[in-house]
Amino acid sequence: MLAVWKPRTPKTLNQITLTNGLDIVCISEYIKEPFAEFLGVMILIIFGAGVVCQVILGGHPAVASSEKGNYLSINIGWGVGTAMGVWVSGGITGGHINPAITLMFAVFRGFPWKKVPIFIFAQVMGGLCGAAIVYGNYFHAIDLVEGRGVRTLATASLFSTYAAGYMTNVSAFFDEFLGTAVLAIVVLAINDKNNSPPPAGLGPLVLFLLVTGIGTALGMQTGYAINPARDLGPRLFTAMAGYGKEVFTFRNQYWLWCPVMGPILGALVGALVYDTMLYTGNDSIINRP
C-alpha cells in the first residue's frame, strides 16, 4: 500500500541499433517501472482481498463448517500483502504501490511529475487485476453465500471498502485521512537518513508492522483503504463483474471522497507535518532555500 522512492542515477536504456541508424528503445526497459507498480499492487490485492474472502466467506455455514480466521487475520493479510508488494517492486521503483504515496513523493521529494500519471494508472490496473484473480478463486464460494448469479454490496465489500452504517461520510473521510497521514509520516521516517531508517532490505518488514498496526487501531470503521488503488481498482472490477453501478452510487460519491481523496489529502498533510517538524533535507519544498 505504499513504499519508498529513492532518487538514483537514471539507467541507460537498452537500445537496438538498426543498420539504417534508427535507435529503438527496448520495450521491456521502457515499461519496467509501471509494470513493477502494477505487479506490486496486484500482489497486495491477492493477499489482502484474498484474506478478506477467506475469513468472511469461510465464516458462512454454506461454505465451511468452521471459521477460517478473524479480524486479526485480515489485518495480518493486508500487512503481508503490503510487504510482499513492496519487495517485488521496491528494487525497480522503490515500491510506491499507492497513488497517495506517489503524489506525496512528487510534491515533497522531487519524484518526477511526468511519471505520476503512468504510475497511478499502473497501480489502479494492478488493483483491478488482483481483484479479478481473487474473484475467480472464490467465485463458487460467493455463489454459495449470495445465490447463483446474485451480486450485492454484501460481497462487493470483500474487494473494496464501504463504511460502517453508523459512519457519516465526513467521519469516514477523516478516518481514511488519519490512517493515511500516519502511513505517510512513517514512510518518510523510513527514508530519512537523519532519523532511524531500518537496515537495508528490512523496509518491507517495517511496512508490514505499520499496515497491520493501522488496521488493528483504525481499520474497523471504513476498512482502511489508505490507498486509492487498493479501493478504486477492485471497485472498477466489481462494477464490471455484475455488481453494477451501485458500487459507485453508494452514499453519494463515497468512493471518491473517502477511499480516494481522503488518503491523498492525508498523505500530503502527513508529509507536511513530518517535513515541518522533523525533516532537515533540502529536497523537501519546506526546506528548500
C-alpha atoms as a PDB file:
ATOM      1  CA  MET A   1       0.000   0.000   0.000  1.00  0.00           C
ATOM      2  CA  LEU A   2       2.845   2.323  -0.084  1.00  0.00           C
ATOM      3  CA  ALA A   3       6.541   2.403  -0.034  1.00  0.00           C
ATOM      4  CA  VAL A   4       9.545   4.372  -0.711  1.00  0.00           C
ATOM      5  CA  TRP A   5      11.059   6.249  -3.626  1.00  0.00           C
ATOM      6  CA  LYS A   6      14.765   6.999  -3.571  1.00  0.00           C
ATOM      7  CA  PRO A   7      16.326   9.188  -6.269  1.00  0.00           C
ATOM      8  CA  ARG A   8      19.065   7.410  -8.149  1.00  0.00           C
ATOM      9  CA  THR A   9      21.134   7.817 -11.283  1.00  0.00           C
ATOM     10  CA  PRO A  10      18.965   7.092 -14.332  1.00  0.00           C
ATOM     11  CA  LYS A  11      19.825   3.872 -16.097  1.00  0.00           C
ATOM     12  CA  THR A  12      20.897   3.941 -19.711  1.00  0.00           C
ATOM     13  CA  LEU A  13      18.094   2.369 -21.715  1.00  0.00           C
ATOM     14  CA  ASN A  14      18.889  -0.742 -23.661  1.00  0.00           C
ATOM     15  CA  GLN A  15      18.923   0.093 -27.343  1.00  0.00           C
ATOM     16  CA  ILE A  16      18.973  -1.850 -30.562  1.00  0.00           C
ATOM     17  CA  THR A  17      20.796  -0.042 -33.348  1.00  0.00           C
ATOM     18  CA  LEU A  18      19.492  -0.917 -36.774  1.00  0.00           C
ATOM     19  CA  THR A  19      21.527  -0.775 -39.965  1.00  0.00           C
ATOM     20  CA  ASN A  20      19.592   2.285 -41.059  1.00  0.00           C
ATOM     21  CA  GLY A  21      20.770   4.161 -37.992  1.00  0.00           C
ATOM     22  CA  LEU A  22      17.437   4.216 -36.155  1.00  0.00           C
ATOM     23  CA  ASP A  23      17.518   3.506 -32.428  1.00  0.00           C
ATOM     24  CA  ILE A  24      14.633   1.604 -30.899  1.00  0.00           C
ATOM     25  CA  VAL A  25      14.261   1.748 -27.146  1.00  0.00           C
ATOM     26  CA  CYS A  26      13.864  -1.704 -25.685  1.00  0.00           C
ATOM     27  CA  ILE A  27      10.214  -2.103 -24.734  1.00  0.00           C
ATOM     28  CA  SER A  28      10.933  -4.135 -21.611  1.00  0.00           C
ATOM     29  CA  GLU A  29      13.110  -1.352 -20.209  1.00  0.00           C
ATOM     30  CA  TYR A  30      10.517   1.299 -21.023  1.00  0.00           C
ATOM     31  CA  ILE A  31       7.671  -0.438 -19.194  1.00  0.00           C
ATOM     32  CA  LYS A  32       9.675  -1.879 -16.304  1.00  0.00           C
ATOM     33  CA  GLU A  33       8.741   0.782 -13.738  1.00  0.00           C
ATOM     34  CA  PRO A  34       4.967   0.890 -14.365  1.00  0.00           C
ATOM     35  CA  PHE A  35       4.880  -2.898 -14.602  1.00  0.00           C
ATOM     36  CA  ALA A  36       6.639  -3.143 -11.228  1.00  0.00           C
ATOM     37  CA  GLU A  37       3.944  -0.922  -9.706  1.00  0.00           C
ATOM     38  CA  PHE A  38       1.230  -2.950 -11.439  1.00  0.00           C
ATOM     39  CA  LEU A  39       2.631  -6.225 -10.125  1.00  0.00           C
ATOM     40  CA  GLY A  40       3.202  -4.847  -6.631  1.00  0.00           C
ATOM     41  CA  VAL A  41      -0.415  -3.715  -6.264  1.00  0.00           C
ATOM     42  CA  MET A  42      -1.715  -6.941  -7.801  1.00  0.00           C
ATOM     43  CA  ILE A  43       0.159  -8.951  -5.168  1.00  0.00           C
ATOM     44  CA  LEU A  44      -1.110  -6.611  -2.455  1.00  0.00           C
ATOM     45  CA  ILE A  45      -4.701  -7.275  -3.508  1.00  0.00           C
ATOM     46  CA  ILE A  46      -4.219 -11.025  -3.888  1.00  0.00           C
ATOM     47  CA  PHE A  47      -3.111 -11.209  -0.262  1.00  0.00           C
ATOM     48  CA  GLY A  48      -5.457  -8.516   1.089  1.00  0.00           C
ATOM     49  CA  ALA A  49      -8.714  -9.246  -0.715  1.00  0.00           C
ATOM     50  CA  GLY A  50      -7.863 -12.936  -0.553  1.00  0.00           C
ATOM     51  CA  VAL A  51      -7.721 -12.984   3.234  1.00  0.00           C
ATOM     52  CA  VAL A  52     -10.955 -10.979   3.458  1.00  0.00           C
ATOM     53  CA  CYS A  53     -12.690 -13.535   1.223  1.00  0.00           C
ATOM     54  CA  GLN A  54     -11.315 -16.441   3.232  1.00  0.00           C
ATOM     55  CA  VAL A  55     -12.371 -15.000   6.583  1.00  0.00           C
ATOM     56  CA  ILE A  56     -15.796 -13.674   5.572  1.00  0.00           C
ATOM     57  CA  LEU A  57     -16.853 -16.407   3.158  1.00  0.00           C
ATOM     58  CA  GLY A  58     -15.263 -19.111   5.297  1.00  0.00           C
ATOM     59  CA  GLY A  59     -17.369 -17.947   8.226  1.00  0.00           C
ATOM     60  CA  HIS A  60     -20.592 -18.732   6.347  1.00  0.00           C
ATOM     61  CA  PRO A  61     -22.090 -22.165   7.106  1.00  0.00           C
ATOM     62  CA  ALA A  62     -22.831 -22.759   3.423  1.00  0.00           C
ATOM     63  CA  VAL A  63     -19.105 -22.557   2.683  1.00  0.00           C
ATOM     64  CA  ALA A  64     -17.297 -24.063   5.675  1.00  0.00           C
ATOM     65  CA  SER A  65     -18.149 -25.877   8.879  1.00  0.00           C
ATOM     66  CA  SER A  66     -15.823 -23.715  10.967  1.00  0.00           C
ATOM     67  CA  GLU A  67     -14.406 -20.197  10.831  1.00  0.00           C
ATOM     68  CA  LYS A  68     -11.300 -19.638   8.728  1.00  0.00           C
ATOM     69  CA  GLY A  69      -9.854 -16.663  10.555  1.00  0.00           C
ATOM     70  CA  ASN A  70     -10.814 -13.440  12.296  1.00  0.00           C
ATOM     71  CA  TYR A  71     -10.271  -9.683  12.104  1.00  0.00           C
ATOM     72  CA  LEU A  72      -6.629 -10.043  13.119  1.00  0.00           C
ATOM     73  CA  SER A  73      -6.153 -12.448  10.201  1.00  0.00           C
ATOM     74  CA  ILE A  74      -7.414  -9.718   7.868  1.00  0.00           C
ATOM     75  CA  ASN A  75      -5.010  -7.138   9.283  1.00  0.00           C
ATOM     76  CA  ILE A  76      -2.075  -9.537   9.011  1.00  0.00           C
ATOM     77  CA  GLY A  77      -3.062 -10.416   5.443  1.00  0.00           C
ATOM     78  CA  TRP A  78      -3.037  -6.778   4.361  1.00  0.00           C
ATOM     79  CA  GLY A  79       0.262  -6.250   6.164  1.00  0.00           C
ATOM     80  CA  VAL A  80       1.815  -9.248   4.404  1.00  0.00           C
ATOM     81  CA  GLY A  81       0.391  -8.078   1.077  1.00  0.00           C
ATOM     82  CA  THR A  82       1.976  -4.669   1.547  1.00  0.00           C
ATOM     83  CA  ALA A  83       5.368  -6.144   2.435  1.00  0.00           C
ATOM     84  CA  MET A  84       5.324  -8.590  -0.483  1.00  0.00           C
ATOM     85  CA  GLY A  85       4.155  -5.931  -2.938  1.00  0.00           C
ATOM     86  CA  VAL A  86       6.949  -3.607  -1.867  1.00  0.00           C
ATOM     87  CA  TRP A  87       9.540  -6.387  -2.003  1.00  0.00           C
ATOM     88  CA  VAL A  88       8.524  -7.222  -5.569  1.00  0.00           C
ATOM     89  CA  SER A  89       8.551  -3.636  -6.841  1.00  0.00           C
ATOM     90  CA  GLY A  90      10.998  -1.948  -4.487  1.00  0.00           C
ATOM     91  CA  GLY A  91      14.180  -2.592  -6.458  1.00  0.00           C
ATOM     92  CA  ILE A  92      12.664  -1.032  -9.582  1.00  0.00           C
ATOM     93  CA  THR A  93      10.584   1.903  -8.333  1.00  0.00           C
ATOM     94  CA  GLY A  94      11.057   1.987  -4.585  1.00  0.00           C
ATOM     95  CA  GLY A  95       7.686   0.263  -4.249  1.00  0.00           C
ATOM     96  CA  HIS A  96       5.114   3.033  -4.008  1.00  0.00           C
ATOM     97  CA  ILE A  97       2.124   0.736  -4.784  1.00  0.00           C
ATOM     98  CA  ASN A  98      -0.136   3.598  -3.671  1.00  0.00           C
ATOM     99  CA  PRO A  99      -1.172   6.734  -5.627  1.00  0.00           C
ATOM    100  CA  ALA A 100      -1.246   8.778  -2.417  1.00  0.00           C
ATOM    101  CA  ILE A 101       2.399   7.908  -1.760  1.00  0.00           C
ATOM    102  CA  THR A 102       3.374   8.596  -5.372  1.00  0.00           C
ATOM    103  CA  LEU A 103       1.779  12.059  -5.175  1.00  0.00           C
ATOM    104  CA  MET A 104       3.410  12.672  -1.802  1.00  0.00           C
ATOM    105  CA  PHE A 105       6.862  11.911  -3.218  1.00  0.00           C
ATOM    106  CA  ALA A 106       6.171  14.132  -6.230  1.00  0.00           C
ATOM    107  CA  VAL A 107       5.191  17.089  -4.030  1.00  0.00           C
ATOM    108  CA  PHE A 108       7.703  16.679  -1.201  1.00  0.00           C
ATOM    109  CA  ARG A 109      10.650  14.661  -2.558  1.00  0.00           C
ATOM    110  CA  GLY A 110      11.086  15.615  -6.201  1.00  0.00           C
ATOM    111  CA  PHE A 111       9.688  12.453  -7.774  1.00  0.00           C
ATOM    112  CA  PRO A 112       9.269  13.308 -11.497  1.00  0.00           C
ATOM    113  CA  TRP A 113       5.770  14.571 -12.229  1.00  0.00           C
ATOM    114  CA  LYS A 114       5.906  13.113 -15.729  1.00  0.00           C
ATOM    115  CA  LYS A 115       5.916   9.629 -14.165  1.00  0.00           C
ATOM    116  CA  VAL A 116       2.949  10.236 -11.879  1.00  0.00           C
ATOM    117  CA  PRO A 117       0.096   9.515 -14.356  1.00  0.00           C
ATOM    118  CA  ILE A 118       1.531   6.214 -15.625  1.00  0.00           C
ATOM    119  CA  PHE A 119       2.405   5.097 -12.083  1.00  0.00           C
ATOM    120  CA  ILE A 120      -1.133   5.776 -10.868  1.00  0.00           C
ATOM    121  CA  PHE A 121      -2.678   4.093 -13.911  1.00  0.00           C
ATOM    122  CA  ALA A 122      -0.487   1.022 -13.369  1.00  0.00           C
ATOM    123  CA  GLN A 123      -1.371   0.914  -9.675  1.00  0.00           C
ATOM    124  CA  VAL A 124      -5.125   1.080 -10.328  1.00  0.00           C
ATOM    125  CA  MET A 125      -4.908  -1.582 -13.042  1.00  0.00           C
ATOM    126  CA  GLY A 126      -2.906  -3.779 -10.679  1.00  0.00           C
ATOM    127  CA  GLY A 127      -5.716  -3.452  -8.156  1.00  0.00           C
ATOM    128  CA  LEU A 128      -8.292  -4.348 -10.799  1.00  0.00           C
ATOM    129  CA  CYS A 129      -6.400  -7.430 -11.960  1.00  0.00           C
ATOM    130  CA  GLY A 130      -5.658  -8.558  -8.413  1.00  0.00           C
ATOM    131  CA  ALA A 131      -9.359  -8.355  -7.573  1.00  0.00           C
ATOM    132  CA  ALA A 132     -10.221 -10.313 -10.729  1.00  0.00           C
ATOM    133  CA  ILE A 133      -7.834 -13.095  -9.707  1.00  0.00           C
ATOM    134  CA  VAL A 134      -9.244 -13.298  -6.180  1.00  0.00           C
ATOM    135  CA  TYR A 135     -12.817 -13.192  -7.503  1.00  0.00           C
ATOM    136  CA  GLY A 136     -12.071 -16.065  -9.854  1.00  0.00           C
ATOM    137  CA  ASN A 137     -10.600 -18.050  -6.982  1.00  0.00           C
ATOM    138  CA  TYR A 138     -13.603 -17.515  -4.682  1.00  0.00           C
ATOM    139  CA  PHE A 139     -16.333 -17.376  -7.339  1.00  0.00           C
ATOM    140  CA  HIS A 140     -18.095 -20.559  -6.199  1.00  0.00           C
ATOM    141  CA  ALA A 141     -17.967 -19.565  -2.524  1.00  0.00           C
ATOM    142  CA  ILE A 142     -19.572 -16.216  -3.396  1.00  0.00           C
ATOM    143  CA  ASP A 143     -22.318 -18.091  -5.259  1.00  0.00           C
ATOM    144  CA  LEU A 144     -22.960 -20.206  -2.168  1.00  0.00           C
ATOM    145  CA  VAL A 145     -23.262 -17.128   0.043  1.00  0.00           C
ATOM    146  CA  GLU A 146     -25.191 -14.813  -2.299  1.00  0.00           C
ATOM    147  CA  GLY A 147     -27.003 -17.273  -4.541  1.00  0.00           C
ATOM    148  CA  ARG A 148     -26.036 -18.268  -8.050  1.00  0.00           C
ATOM    149  CA  GLY A 149     -25.689 -15.168 -10.207  1.00  0.00           C
ATOM    150  CA  VAL A 150     -26.678 -12.792  -7.370  1.00  0.00           C
ATOM    151  CA  ARG A 151     -24.246  -9.995  -6.585  1.00  0.00           C
ATOM    152  CA  THR A 152     -24.816  -7.342  -3.909  1.00  0.00           C
ATOM    153  CA  LEU A 153     -22.758  -4.931  -1.831  1.00  0.00           C
ATOM    154  CA  ALA A 154     -22.531  -7.651   0.804  1.00  0.00           C
ATOM    155  CA  THR A 155     -19.821  -9.363  -1.248  1.00  0.00           C
ATOM    156  CA  ALA A 156     -18.651  -6.287  -3.166  1.00  0.00           C
ATOM    157  CA  SER A 157     -17.228  -5.232   0.198  1.00  0.00           C
ATOM    158  CA  LEU A 158     -14.875  -8.207   0.040  1.00  0.00           C
ATOM    159  CA  PHE A 159     -12.915  -6.304  -2.602  1.00  0.00           C
ATOM    160  CA  SER A 160     -13.327  -2.574  -1.917  1.00  0.00           C
ATOM    161  CA  THR A 161     -14.249  -0.535   1.151  1.00  0.00           C
ATOM    162  CA  TYR A 162     -17.654   0.564   2.444  1.00  0.00           C
ATOM    163  CA  ALA A 163     -18.057   2.444   5.725  1.00  0.00           C
ATOM    164  CA  ALA A 164     -19.990   1.064   8.680  1.00  0.00           C
ATOM    165  CA  GLY A 165     -23.655   2.070   8.777  1.00  0.00           C
ATOM    166  CA  TYR A 166     -23.239   4.423  11.732  1.00  0.00           C
ATOM    167  CA  MET A 167     -20.489   6.427   9.995  1.00  0.00           C
ATOM    168  CA  THR A 168     -21.238   9.676   8.165  1.00  0.00           C
ATOM    169  CA  ASN A 169     -19.253  10.424   5.029  1.00  0.00           C
ATOM    170  CA  VAL A 170     -17.407  13.181   6.889  1.00  0.00           C
ATOM    171  CA  SER A 171     -16.421  10.762   9.646  1.00  0.00           C
ATOM    172  CA  ALA A 172     -15.358   8.169   7.077  1.00  0.00           C
ATOM    173  CA  PHE A 173     -13.279  10.779   5.251  1.00  0.00           C
ATOM    174  CA  PHE A 174     -11.483  11.698   8.471  1.00  0.00           C
ATOM    175  CA  ASP A 175     -10.860   8.031   9.284  1.00  0.00           C
ATOM    176  CA  GLU A 176      -9.131   7.497   5.923  1.00  0.00           C
ATOM    177  CA  PHE A 177      -7.342  10.849   6.190  1.00  0.00           C
ATOM    178  CA  LEU A 178      -5.956   9.972   9.622  1.00  0.00           C
ATOM    179  CA  GLY A 179      -4.820   6.470   8.711  1.00  0.00           C
ATOM    180  CA  THR A 180      -3.003   7.649   5.599  1.00  0.00           C
ATOM    181  CA  ALA A 181      -1.394  10.579   7.406  1.00  0.00           C
ATOM    182  CA  VAL A 182       0.109   8.103   9.884  1.00  0.00           C
ATOM    183  CA  LEU A 183       1.180   5.923   6.971  1.00  0.00           C
ATOM    184  CA  ALA A 184       2.906   8.841   5.223  1.00  0.00           C
ATOM    185  CA  ILE A 185       4.752  10.002   8.337  1.00  0.00           C
ATOM    186  CA  VAL A 186       6.222   6.559   8.973  1.00  0.00           C
ATOM    187  CA  VAL A 187       7.101   6.014   5.290  1.00  0.00           C
ATOM    188  CA  LEU A 188       9.035   9.289   5.291  1.00  0.00           C
ATOM    189  CA  ALA A 189      10.765   8.340   8.549  1.00  0.00           C
ATOM    190  CA  ILE A 190      11.822   5.030   6.983  1.00  0.00           C
ATOM    191  CA  ASN A 191      13.554   7.013   4.222  1.00  0.00           C
ATOM    192  CA  ASP A 192      15.091   9.708   6.417  1.00  0.00           C
ATOM    193  CA  LYS A 193      18.810   9.018   6.829  1.00  0.00           C
ATOM    194  CA  ASN A 194      18.939  11.518   9.681  1.00  0.00           C
ATOM    195  CA  ASN A 195      16.244   9.675  11.604  1.00  0.00           C
ATOM    196  CA  SER A 196      16.381   5.930  12.338  1.00  0.00           C
ATOM    197  CA  PRO A 197      15.959   4.142   8.994  1.00  0.00           C
ATOM    198  CA  PRO A 198      15.778   0.339   9.088  1.00  0.00           C
ATOM    199  CA  PRO A 199      18.736  -1.700   7.800  1.00  0.00           C
ATOM    200  CA  ALA A 200      18.858  -2.271   4.063  1.00  0.00           C
ATOM    201  CA  GLY A 201      16.204  -4.701   2.892  1.00  0.00           C
ATOM    202  CA  LEU A 202      14.097  -4.509   6.045  1.00  0.00           C
ATOM    203  CA  GLY A 203      11.841  -1.658   4.932  1.00  0.00           C
ATOM    204  CA  PRO A 204       9.065  -4.064   3.867  1.00  0.00           C
ATOM    205  CA  LEU A 205       9.099  -5.636   7.328  1.00  0.00           C
ATOM    206  CA  VAL A 206       8.522  -2.222   8.891  1.00  0.00           C
ATOM    207  CA  LEU A 207       5.690  -1.622   6.432  1.00  0.00           C
ATOM    208  CA  PHE A 208       4.153  -4.952   7.415  1.00  0.00           C
ATOM    209  CA  LEU A 209       4.095  -3.839  11.041  1.00  0.00           C
ATOM    210  CA  LEU A 210       2.829  -0.391  10.067  1.00  0.00           C
ATOM    211  CA  VAL A 211      -0.126  -1.542   7.960  1.00  0.00           C
ATOM    212  CA  THR A 212      -1.038  -4.284  10.423  1.00  0.00           C
ATOM    213  CA  GLY A 213      -0.987  -1.671  13.175  1.00  0.00           C
ATOM    214  CA  ILE A 214      -3.129   0.796  11.231  1.00  0.00           C
ATOM    215  CA  GLY A 215      -5.678  -1.922  10.579  1.00  0.00           C
ATOM    216  CA  THR A 216      -5.671  -3.015  14.205  1.00  0.00           C
ATOM    217  CA  ALA A 217      -6.098   0.536  15.522  1.00  0.00           C
ATOM    218  CA  LEU A 218      -8.078   2.345  12.812  1.00  0.00           C
ATOM    219  CA  GLY A 219      -9.493  -0.244  10.451  1.00  0.00           C
ATOM    220  CA  MET A 220     -12.893  -1.153  11.869  1.00  0.00           C
ATOM    221  CA  GLN A 221     -14.989   1.763  10.646  1.00  0.00           C
ATOM    222  CA  THR A 222     -14.083   2.094   6.958  1.00  0.00           C
ATOM    223  CA  GLY A 223     -11.953  -0.941   6.151  1.00  0.00           C
ATOM    224  CA  TYR A 224      -8.853   1.306   5.997  1.00  0.00           C
ATOM    225  CA  ALA A 225      -8.316   1.725   2.279  1.00  0.00           C
ATOM    226  CA  ILE A 226      -5.403   4.162   2.924  1.00  0.00           C
ATOM    227  CA  ASN A 227      -4.627   3.597  -0.763  1.00  0.00           C
ATOM    228  CA  PRO A 228      -6.769   4.803  -3.684  1.00  0.00           C
ATOM    229  CA  ALA A 229      -5.545   1.990  -5.963  1.00  0.00           C
ATOM    230  CA  ARG A 230      -6.402  -0.658  -3.374  1.00  0.00           C
ATOM    231  CA  ASP A 231     -10.016   0.567  -3.453  1.00  0.00           C
ATOM    232  CA  LEU A 232     -10.624   2.009  -6.932  1.00  0.00           C
ATOM    233  CA  GLY A 233      -9.099  -0.871  -8.892  1.00  0.00           C
ATOM    234  CA  PRO A 234     -11.215  -3.560  -7.196  1.00  0.00           C
ATOM    235  CA  ARG A 235     -14.264  -1.266  -7.311  1.00  0.00           C
ATOM    236  CA  LEU A 236     -13.909  -0.948 -11.081  1.00  0.00           C
ATOM    237  CA  PHE A 237     -13.671  -4.712 -11.325  1.00  0.00           C
ATOM    238  CA  THR A 238     -16.798  -5.323  -9.245  1.00  0.00           C
ATOM    239  CA  ALA A 239     -18.720  -2.844 -11.408  1.00  0.00           C
ATOM    240  CA  MET A 240     -17.762  -4.921 -14.454  1.00  0.00           C
ATOM    241  CA  ALA A 241     -18.322  -8.287 -12.762  1.00  0.00           C
ATOM    242  CA  GLY A 242     -22.055  -7.928 -12.211  1.00  0.00           C
ATOM    243  CA  TYR A 243     -22.318  -5.730  -9.136  1.00  0.00           C
ATOM    244  CA  GLY A 244     -23.425  -2.795 -11.255  1.00  0.00           C
ATOM    245  CA  LYS A 245     -23.342   0.940 -10.709  1.00  0.00           C
ATOM    246  CA  GLU A 246     -24.313   0.654  -7.041  1.00  0.00           C
ATOM    247  CA  VAL A 247     -20.644   0.257  -6.141  1.00  0.00           C
ATOM    248  CA  PHE A 248     -20.193   3.867  -7.308  1.00  0.00           C
ATOM    249  CA  THR A 249     -23.548   5.358  -6.250  1.00  0.00           C
ATOM    250  CA  PHE A 250     -23.208   4.134  -2.648  1.00  0.00           C
ATOM    251  CA  ARG A 251     -23.652   7.135  -0.332  1.00  0.00           C
ATOM    252  CA  ASN A 252     -23.392   9.919  -2.896  1.00  0.00           C
ATOM    253  CA  GLN A 253     -19.897   9.505  -4.316  1.00  0.00           C
ATOM    254  CA  TYR A 254     -18.485   7.870  -1.197  1.00  0.00           C
ATOM    255  CA  TRP A 255     -15.974   6.067  -3.433  1.00  0.00           C
ATOM    256  CA  LEU A 256     -14.389   9.383  -4.443  1.00  0.00           C
ATOM    257  CA  TRP A 257     -14.271  11.357  -1.215  1.00  0.00           C
ATOM    258  CA  CYS A 258     -13.413   8.687   1.338  1.00  0.00           C
ATOM    259  CA  PRO A 259     -11.106   5.983  -0.131  1.00  0.00           C
ATOM    260  CA  VAL A 260      -9.606   8.248  -2.840  1.00  0.00           C
ATOM    261  CA  MET A 261      -9.454  11.880  -1.699  1.00  0.00           C
ATOM    262  CA  GLY A 262      -9.131  11.005   1.996  1.00  0.00           C
ATOM    263  CA  PRO A 263      -5.867   9.064   1.521  1.00  0.00           C
ATOM    264  CA  ILE A 264      -4.439  11.588  -0.961  1.00  0.00           C
ATOM    265  CA  LEU A 265      -5.010  14.558   1.341  1.00  0.00           C
ATOM    266  CA  GLY A 266      -3.967  12.540   4.385  1.00  0.00           C
ATOM    267  CA  ALA A 267      -0.631  11.634   2.785  1.00  0.00           C
ATOM    268  CA  LEU A 268       0.052  15.245   1.802  1.00  0.00           C
ATOM    269  CA  VAL A 269      -0.793  16.612   5.245  1.00  0.00           C
ATOM    270  CA  GLY A 270       1.193  13.845   6.941  1.00  0.00           C
ATOM    271  CA  ALA A 271       4.208  14.738   4.806  1.00  0.00           C
ATOM    272  CA  LEU A 272       3.742  18.420   5.611  1.00  0.00           C
ATOM    273  CA  VAL A 273       3.733  17.646   9.332  1.00  0.00           C
ATOM    274  CA  TYR A 274       6.828  15.422   9.100  1.00  0.00           C
ATOM    275  CA  ASP A 275       8.843  17.850   6.997  1.00  0.00           C
ATOM    276  CA  THR A 276       7.873  20.859   9.100  1.00  0.00           C
ATOM    277  CA  MET A 277       8.682  19.243  12.430  1.00  0.00           C
ATOM    278  CA  LEU A 278      11.446  16.708  11.755  1.00  0.00           C
ATOM    279  CA  TYR A 279      12.932  16.632   8.271  1.00  0.00           C
ATOM    280  CA  THR A 280      16.092  18.618   7.525  1.00  0.00           C
ATOM    281  CA  GLY A 281      16.855  17.559   3.949  1.00  0.00           C
ATOM    282  CA  ASN A 282      16.796  20.284   1.315  1.00  0.00           C
ATOM    283  CA  ASP A 283      14.962  18.085  -1.199  1.00  0.00           C
ATOM    284  CA  SER A 284      11.692  18.955   0.559  1.00  0.00           C
ATOM    285  CA  ILE A 285       9.733  22.001  -0.571  1.00  0.00           C
ATOM    286  CA  ILE A 286       9.589  23.013   3.095  1.00  0.00           C
ATOM    287  CA  ASN A 287      13.381  23.249   3.424  1.00  0.00           C
ATOM    288  CA  ARG A 288      14.465  24.468   0.009  1.00  0.00           C
ATOM    289  CA  PRO A 289      16.492  27.693   0.048  1.00  0.00           C
END
